[in-house]
Amino acid sequence: MNEPKVVVGAAIRAGDRVLAAARAYPPELAGLWEFPGGKVEPGETEAQALVRECREELGVEIAVGERVGGDLATGGGRYLLRVYFAELTGGEPHAKEHAELRWLGPAELDSVPWLPGNRPAVETLKALLSA
């Protein structure tokens, strides 16, 4: 059994809202929502991977903050998702690789269908953003 690959997600915050992104592909995941991010490449730290992924996917610069919750198994155990708070430091987010982007407040987090692997982080976020 291979070790799960680490993937990182950015919970980009603006006040009490967080940026959510709708997958455009693959077809079986299209329309489900996630935190922007992706795989950590060899030699990269998790924070470096998030900065690179947000630059590629959204066209923005971010500052990576603290982790949100623990490790989340996703993709049938093939991946380990780690979500981090982030702040925008440059640019406006654009959906380069996603179908849609939306800023969601604590009460709106349940208004979109999340990828199952992101769901526990959403629950944690709800509590943190409402605090």
N, C-alpha and C. Protein backbone atom coordinates (compact mmCIF):
# COMPACT_ATOMS: atom_id res chain seq x y z
N MET A 1 0.85 -1.20 0.00
CA MET A 1 0.00 0.00 0.00
C MET A 1 0.89 1.24 0.00
N ASN A 2 0.67 2.11 -0.96
CA ASN A 2 1.44 3.36 -1.03
C ASN A 2 0.99 4.32 0.06
N GLU A 3 1.95 5.16 0.49
CA GLU A 3 1.63 6.23 1.42
C GLU A 3 0.67 7.19 0.71
N PRO A 4 -0.32 7.73 1.44
CA PRO A 4 -1.20 8.71 0.78
C PRO A 4 -0.42 9.97 0.43
N LYS A 5 -0.76 10.56 -0.71
CA LYS A 5 -0.13 11.82 -1.13
C LYS A 5 -0.76 12.96 -0.33
N VAL A 6 0.08 13.90 0.07
CA VAL A 6 -0.44 15.06 0.81
C VAL A 6 -0.96 16.10 -0.19
N VAL A 7 -2.20 16.53 0.03
CA VAL A 7 -2.77 17.64 -0.74
C VAL A 7 -3.14 18.72 0.26
N VAL A 8 -3.03 19.96 -0.18
CA VAL A 8 -3.30 21.09 0.69
C VAL A 8 -4.43 21.94 0.13
N GLY A 9 -5.21 22.51 1.02
CA GLY A 9 -6.31 23.39 0.64
C GLY A 9 -6.19 24.70 1.39
N ALA A 10 -6.54 25.79 0.72
CA ALA A 10 -6.48 27.12 1.33
C ALA A 10 -7.87 27.60 1.69
N ALA A 11 -8.10 27.84 2.97
CA ALA A 11 -9.33 28.49 3.42
C ALA A 11 -9.00 29.98 3.45
N ILE A 12 -9.14 30.62 2.28
CA ILE A 12 -8.78 32.04 2.15
C ILE A 12 -9.89 32.87 2.79
N ARG A 13 -9.49 33.67 3.77
CA ARG A 13 -10.44 34.40 4.59
C ARG A 13 -10.51 35.88 4.21
N ALA A 14 -11.71 36.40 4.24
CA ALA A 14 -11.93 37.86 4.15
C ALA A 14 -12.99 38.15 5.19
N GLY A 15 -12.58 38.69 6.32
CA GLY A 15 -13.51 38.88 7.43
C GLY A 15 -13.98 37.52 7.93
N ASP A 16 -15.31 37.33 7.99
CA ASP A 16 -15.82 36.03 8.45
C ASP A 16 -16.24 35.16 7.27
N ARG A 17 -15.81 35.53 6.07
CA ARG A 17 -16.15 34.72 4.89
C ARG A 17 -14.92 33.98 4.40
N VAL A 18 -15.16 32.87 3.70
CA VAL A 18 -14.07 32.06 3.19
C VAL A 18 -14.36 31.74 1.71
N LEU A 19 -13.30 31.65 0.91
CA LEU A 19 -13.46 31.42 -0.53
C LEU A 19 -13.64 29.93 -0.81
N ALA A 20 -14.72 29.61 -1.52
CA ALA A 20 -14.99 28.23 -1.94
C ALA A 20 -14.93 28.18 -3.46
N ALA A 21 -14.52 27.02 -3.99
CA ALA A 21 -14.35 26.87 -5.43
C ALA A 21 -15.06 25.61 -5.92
N ALA A 22 -15.82 25.74 -7.01
CA ALA A 22 -16.54 24.60 -7.59
C ALA A 22 -15.65 23.92 -8.62
N ARG A 23 -15.51 22.60 -8.50
CA ARG A 23 -14.69 21.84 -9.45
C ARG A 23 -15.32 21.88 -10.84
N ALA A 24 -14.49 22.02 -11.85
CA ALA A 24 -14.95 21.96 -13.23
C ALA A 24 -14.70 20.55 -13.80
N TYR A 25 -13.74 19.84 -13.24
CA TYR A 25 -13.36 18.50 -13.69
C TYR A 25 -12.67 17.78 -12.55
N PRO A 26 -12.47 16.47 -12.62
CA PRO A 26 -12.99 15.52 -13.60
C PRO A 26 -14.52 15.42 -13.50
N PRO A 27 -15.17 14.83 -14.53
CA PRO A 27 -16.64 14.81 -14.59
C PRO A 27 -17.31 14.31 -13.30
N GLU A 28 -16.72 13.30 -12.65
CA GLU A 28 -17.38 12.76 -11.44
C GLU A 28 -17.31 13.71 -10.25
N LEU A 29 -16.44 14.72 -10.32
CA LEU A 29 -16.33 15.70 -9.23
C LEU A 29 -16.85 17.08 -9.62
N ALA A 30 -17.16 17.27 -10.89
CA ALA A 30 -17.61 18.58 -11.38
C ALA A 30 -18.86 19.02 -10.61
N GLY A 31 -18.86 20.29 -10.19
CA GLY A 31 -20.01 20.83 -9.48
C GLY A 31 -19.90 20.67 -7.97
N LEU A 32 -18.92 19.88 -7.50
CA LEU A 32 -18.70 19.77 -6.06
C LEU A 32 -17.70 20.85 -5.65
N TRP A 33 -17.81 21.31 -4.41
CA TRP A 33 -17.02 22.45 -3.95
C TRP A 33 -15.86 22.02 -3.09
N GLU A 34 -14.80 22.82 -3.14
CA GLU A 34 -13.57 22.50 -2.40
C GLU A 34 -12.87 23.79 -2.01
N PHE A 35 -11.80 23.62 -1.22
CA PHE A 35 -10.91 24.73 -0.96
C PHE A 35 -9.84 24.70 -2.04
N PRO A 36 -9.48 25.86 -2.62
CA PRO A 36 -8.44 25.87 -3.65
C PRO A 36 -7.15 25.27 -3.10
N GLY A 37 -6.40 24.60 -3.96
CA GLY A 37 -5.14 23.98 -3.54
C GLY A 37 -4.79 22.82 -4.43
N GLY A 38 -3.95 21.92 -3.94
CA GLY A 38 -3.56 20.78 -4.75
C GLY A 38 -2.45 19.98 -4.11
N LYS A 39 -1.81 19.16 -4.92
CA LYS A 39 -0.77 18.26 -4.42
C LYS A 39 0.50 19.00 -4.05
N VAL A 40 1.15 18.52 -2.99
CA VAL A 40 2.45 19.04 -2.59
C VAL A 40 3.49 18.33 -3.45
N GLU A 41 4.28 19.09 -4.20
CA GLU A 41 5.31 18.52 -5.07
C GLU A 41 6.55 18.17 -4.25
N PRO A 42 7.36 17.19 -4.75
CA PRO A 42 8.59 16.84 -4.03
C PRO A 42 9.47 18.07 -3.81
N GLY A 43 9.99 18.22 -2.60
CA GLY A 43 10.87 19.35 -2.29
C GLY A 43 10.15 20.62 -1.86
N GLU A 44 8.82 20.60 -1.91
CA GLU A 44 8.03 21.76 -1.52
C GLU A 44 7.52 21.60 -0.10
N THR A 45 7.41 22.69 0.64
CA THR A 45 6.70 22.64 1.92
C THR A 45 5.21 22.76 1.59
N GLU A 46 4.38 22.45 2.57
CA GLU A 46 2.94 22.57 2.36
C GLU A 46 2.55 24.02 2.06
N ALA A 47 3.18 24.96 2.77
CA ALA A 47 2.88 26.38 2.54
C ALA A 47 3.30 26.81 1.14
N GLN A 48 4.48 26.35 0.68
CA GLN A 48 4.93 26.70 -0.69
C GLN A 48 3.97 26.14 -1.73
N ALA A 49 3.47 24.93 -1.50
CA ALA A 49 2.52 24.32 -2.43
C ALA A 49 1.23 25.14 -2.51
N LEU A 50 0.76 25.61 -1.36
CA LEU A 50 -0.46 26.42 -1.35
C LEU A 50 -0.28 27.73 -2.09
N VAL A 51 0.86 28.38 -1.86
CA VAL A 51 1.15 29.65 -2.54
C VAL A 51 1.16 29.42 -4.06
N ARG A 52 1.85 28.36 -4.50
CA ARG A 52 1.94 28.05 -5.93
C ARG A 52 0.57 27.72 -6.51
N GLU A 53 -0.18 26.85 -5.83
CA GLU A 53 -1.49 26.45 -6.33
C GLU A 53 -2.45 27.63 -6.43
N CYS A 54 -2.46 28.52 -5.43
CA CYS A 54 -3.36 29.67 -5.48
C CYS A 54 -2.97 30.64 -6.59
N ARG A 55 -1.67 30.73 -6.85
CA ARG A 55 -1.19 31.57 -7.96
C ARG A 55 -1.69 30.96 -9.29
N GLU A 56 -1.55 29.63 -9.43
CA GLU A 56 -1.95 28.95 -10.68
C GLU A 56 -3.46 28.91 -10.86
N GLU A 57 -4.20 28.58 -9.79
CA GLU A 57 -5.65 28.36 -9.91
C GLU A 57 -6.46 29.65 -9.84
N LEU A 58 -5.98 30.63 -9.07
CA LEU A 58 -6.78 31.82 -8.80
C LEU A 58 -6.14 33.13 -9.25
N GLY A 59 -4.83 33.10 -9.54
CA GLY A 59 -4.13 34.31 -9.93
C GLY A 59 -3.91 35.27 -8.78
N VAL A 60 -3.77 34.74 -7.56
CA VAL A 60 -3.59 35.59 -6.38
C VAL A 60 -2.34 35.19 -5.60
N GLU A 61 -1.89 36.13 -4.78
CA GLU A 61 -0.81 35.86 -3.82
C GLU A 61 -1.46 35.72 -2.45
N ILE A 62 -0.98 34.76 -1.67
CA ILE A 62 -1.55 34.55 -0.33
C ILE A 62 -0.45 34.45 0.71
N ALA A 63 -0.84 34.69 1.95
CA ALA A 63 0.00 34.41 3.11
C ALA A 63 -0.68 33.26 3.83
N VAL A 64 0.06 32.18 4.06
CA VAL A 64 -0.50 30.98 4.68
C VAL A 64 -0.46 31.11 6.20
N GLY A 65 -1.58 30.78 6.83
CA GLY A 65 -1.70 30.86 8.28
C GLY A 65 -1.72 29.49 8.92
N GLU A 66 -2.48 29.36 10.02
CA GLU A 66 -2.48 28.11 10.78
C GLU A 66 -3.39 27.07 10.15
N ARG A 67 -3.16 25.82 10.55
CA ARG A 67 -3.98 24.71 10.05
C ARG A 67 -5.39 24.78 10.59
N VAL A 68 -6.31 24.27 9.79
CA VAL A 68 -7.72 24.15 10.17
C VAL A 68 -7.99 22.67 10.39
N GLY A 69 -8.14 22.25 11.64
CA GLY A 69 -8.44 20.85 11.91
C GLY A 69 -7.27 19.93 11.63
N GLY A 70 -7.55 18.64 11.56
CA GLY A 70 -6.50 17.63 11.40
C GLY A 70 -6.40 17.11 9.98
N ASP A 71 -5.68 15.99 9.83
CA ASP A 71 -5.54 15.34 8.52
C ASP A 71 -6.87 14.72 8.11
N LEU A 72 -7.24 14.90 6.85
CA LEU A 72 -8.48 14.35 6.33
C LEU A 72 -8.17 13.38 5.20
N ALA A 73 -8.57 12.13 5.36
CA ALA A 73 -8.37 11.14 4.30
C ALA A 73 -9.40 11.41 3.21
N THR A 74 -8.95 11.41 1.96
CA THR A 74 -9.84 11.69 0.85
C THR A 74 -9.41 10.85 -0.36
N GLY A 75 -10.25 10.83 -1.39
CA GLY A 75 -9.92 10.05 -2.59
C GLY A 75 -9.74 8.57 -2.27
N GLY A 76 -10.63 8.03 -1.44
CA GLY A 76 -10.55 6.62 -1.09
C GLY A 76 -9.27 6.26 -0.35
N GLY A 77 -8.73 7.25 0.41
CA GLY A 77 -7.52 6.99 1.18
C GLY A 77 -6.24 7.23 0.41
N ARG A 78 -6.35 7.65 -0.87
CA ARG A 78 -5.15 7.92 -1.67
C ARG A 78 -4.50 9.24 -1.31
N TYR A 79 -5.29 10.14 -0.72
CA TYR A 79 -4.79 11.48 -0.39
C TYR A 79 -5.05 11.81 1.07
N LEU A 80 -4.19 12.68 1.57
CA LEU A 80 -4.33 13.22 2.92
C LEU A 80 -4.48 14.73 2.75
N LEU A 81 -5.66 15.26 3.06
CA LEU A 81 -5.93 16.69 2.87
C LEU A 81 -5.60 17.44 4.15
N ARG A 82 -4.83 18.52 3.98
CA ARG A 82 -4.53 19.43 5.09
C ARG A 82 -4.96 20.83 4.67
N VAL A 83 -5.88 21.40 5.44
CA VAL A 83 -6.42 22.72 5.11
C VAL A 83 -5.77 23.76 6.02
N TYR A 84 -5.41 24.90 5.42
CA TYR A 84 -4.77 26.01 6.15
C TYR A 84 -5.57 27.28 5.92
N PHE A 85 -5.64 28.11 6.96
CA PHE A 85 -6.16 29.46 6.76
C PHE A 85 -5.17 30.21 5.87
N ALA A 86 -5.66 31.14 5.07
CA ALA A 86 -4.79 31.99 4.26
C ALA A 86 -5.45 33.35 4.12
N GLU A 87 -4.62 34.35 3.86
CA GLU A 87 -5.11 35.72 3.62
C GLU A 87 -4.62 36.14 2.24
N LEU A 88 -5.45 36.89 1.52
CA LEU A 88 -5.02 37.43 0.23
C LEU A 88 -4.00 38.54 0.49
N THR A 89 -2.89 38.50 -0.24
CA THR A 89 -1.92 39.58 -0.13
C THR A 89 -1.74 40.31 -1.46
N GLY A 90 -2.33 39.75 -2.53
CA GLY A 90 -2.26 40.42 -3.83
C GLY A 90 -3.19 39.79 -4.83
N GLY A 91 -3.86 40.64 -5.62
CA GLY A 91 -4.73 40.16 -6.68
C GLY A 91 -6.14 39.88 -6.21
N GLU A 92 -7.02 39.71 -7.20
CA GLU A 92 -8.41 39.33 -6.97
C GLU A 92 -8.58 37.91 -7.50
N PRO A 93 -9.21 37.02 -6.73
CA PRO A 93 -9.37 35.64 -7.21
C PRO A 93 -10.20 35.54 -8.49
N HIS A 94 -9.68 34.76 -9.44
CA HIS A 94 -10.39 34.46 -10.69
C HIS A 94 -10.44 32.95 -10.84
N ALA A 95 -11.57 32.44 -11.33
CA ALA A 95 -11.73 30.99 -11.51
C ALA A 95 -11.03 30.55 -12.79
N LYS A 96 -9.71 30.31 -12.70
CA LYS A 96 -8.94 29.88 -13.87
C LYS A 96 -9.18 28.39 -14.17
N GLU A 97 -9.25 27.58 -13.10
CA GLU A 97 -9.42 26.14 -13.27
C GLU A 97 -10.72 25.63 -12.67
N HIS A 98 -11.49 26.50 -12.04
CA HIS A 98 -12.74 26.11 -11.40
C HIS A 98 -13.93 26.62 -12.20
N ALA A 99 -15.09 26.01 -11.98
CA ALA A 99 -16.31 26.44 -12.66
C ALA A 99 -16.82 27.75 -12.07
N GLU A 100 -16.61 27.94 -10.75
CA GLU A 100 -17.16 29.11 -10.06
C GLU A 100 -16.42 29.30 -8.75
N LEU A 101 -16.37 30.55 -8.29
CA LEU A 101 -15.85 30.88 -6.96
C LEU A 101 -16.94 31.60 -6.20
N ARG A 102 -16.96 31.40 -4.89
CA ARG A 102 -17.97 32.08 -4.07
C ARG A 102 -17.39 32.35 -2.68
N TRP A 103 -17.64 33.55 -2.16
CA TRP A 103 -17.28 33.87 -0.77
C TRP A 103 -18.45 33.45 0.10
N LEU A 104 -18.21 32.60 1.10
CA LEU A 104 -19.28 32.08 1.95
C LEU A 104 -19.03 32.43 3.41
N GLY A 105 -20.07 32.97 4.06
CA GLY A 105 -20.01 33.21 5.50
C GLY A 105 -20.37 31.93 6.24
N PRO A 106 -20.22 31.93 7.57
CA PRO A 106 -20.49 30.72 8.36
C PRO A 106 -21.87 30.12 8.09
N ALA A 107 -22.89 30.96 7.94
CA ALA A 107 -24.26 30.46 7.73
C ALA A 107 -24.47 29.96 6.30
N GLU A 108 -23.56 30.33 5.37
CA GLU A 108 -23.72 29.95 3.96
C GLU A 108 -22.88 28.72 3.58
N LEU A 109 -22.05 28.24 4.50
CA LEU A 109 -21.14 27.14 4.16
C LEU A 109 -21.88 25.88 3.72
N ASP A 110 -23.10 25.69 4.21
CA ASP A 110 -23.87 24.50 3.82
C ASP A 110 -24.68 24.72 2.55
N SER A 111 -24.55 25.89 1.92
CA SER A 111 -25.37 26.19 0.74
C SER A 111 -24.80 25.59 -0.54
N VAL A 112 -23.62 24.98 -0.48
CA VAL A 112 -23.03 24.34 -1.66
C VAL A 112 -22.69 22.89 -1.33
N PRO A 113 -22.69 22.00 -2.34
CA PRO A 113 -22.32 20.60 -2.10
C PRO A 113 -20.79 20.45 -2.07
N TRP A 114 -20.22 20.20 -0.90
CA TRP A 114 -18.77 20.06 -0.74
C TRP A 114 -18.30 18.67 -1.13
N LEU A 115 -17.06 18.58 -1.60
CA LEU A 115 -16.44 17.27 -1.77
C LEU A 115 -16.44 16.60 -0.39
N PRO A 116 -16.75 15.31 -0.33
CA PRO A 116 -16.81 14.64 0.97
C PRO A 116 -15.54 14.82 1.81
N GLY A 117 -14.38 14.82 1.18
CA GLY A 117 -13.12 14.97 1.91
C GLY A 117 -12.94 16.34 2.55
N ASN A 118 -13.63 17.35 2.01
CA ASN A 118 -13.54 18.71 2.54
C ASN A 118 -14.53 18.98 3.67
N ARG A 119 -15.55 18.12 3.75
CA ARG A 119 -16.66 18.33 4.69
C ARG A 119 -16.21 18.52 6.16
N PRO A 120 -15.32 17.66 6.71
CA PRO A 120 -14.92 17.88 8.11
C PRO A 120 -14.26 19.25 8.33
N ALA A 121 -13.49 19.73 7.36
CA ALA A 121 -12.86 21.04 7.48
C ALA A 121 -13.92 22.14 7.46
N VAL A 122 -14.98 21.93 6.69
CA VAL A 122 -16.07 22.91 6.63
C VAL A 122 -16.73 23.03 8.00
N GLU A 123 -16.96 21.89 8.65
CA GLU A 123 -17.57 21.90 9.98
C GLU A 123 -16.67 22.63 10.98
N THR A 124 -15.37 22.38 10.91
CA THR A 124 -14.41 23.06 11.79
C THR A 124 -14.42 24.55 11.53
N LEU A 125 -14.42 24.91 10.24
CA LEU A 125 -14.43 26.32 9.84
C LEU A 125 -15.66 27.05 10.36
N LYS A 126 -16.80 26.38 10.26
CA LYS A 126 -18.05 27.00 10.70
C LYS A 126 -17.91 27.48 12.14
N ALA A 127 -17.36 26.61 12.98
CA ALA A 127 -17.19 26.95 14.39
C ALA A 127 -16.19 28.09 14.55
N LEU A 128 -15.08 28.03 13.81
CA LEU A 128 -14.03 29.05 13.94
C LEU A 128 -14.48 30.41 13.44
N LEU A 129 -15.22 30.43 12.32
CA LEU A 129 -15.66 31.69 11.73
C LEU A 129 -16.78 32.34 12.55
N SER A 130 -17.55 31.51 13.25
CA SER A 130 -18.66 32.03 14.06
C SER A 130 -18.19 32.55 15.41
N ALA A 131 -16.99 32.13 15.81
CA ALA A 131 -16.48 32.46 17.16
C ALA A 131 -16.24 33.95 17.32
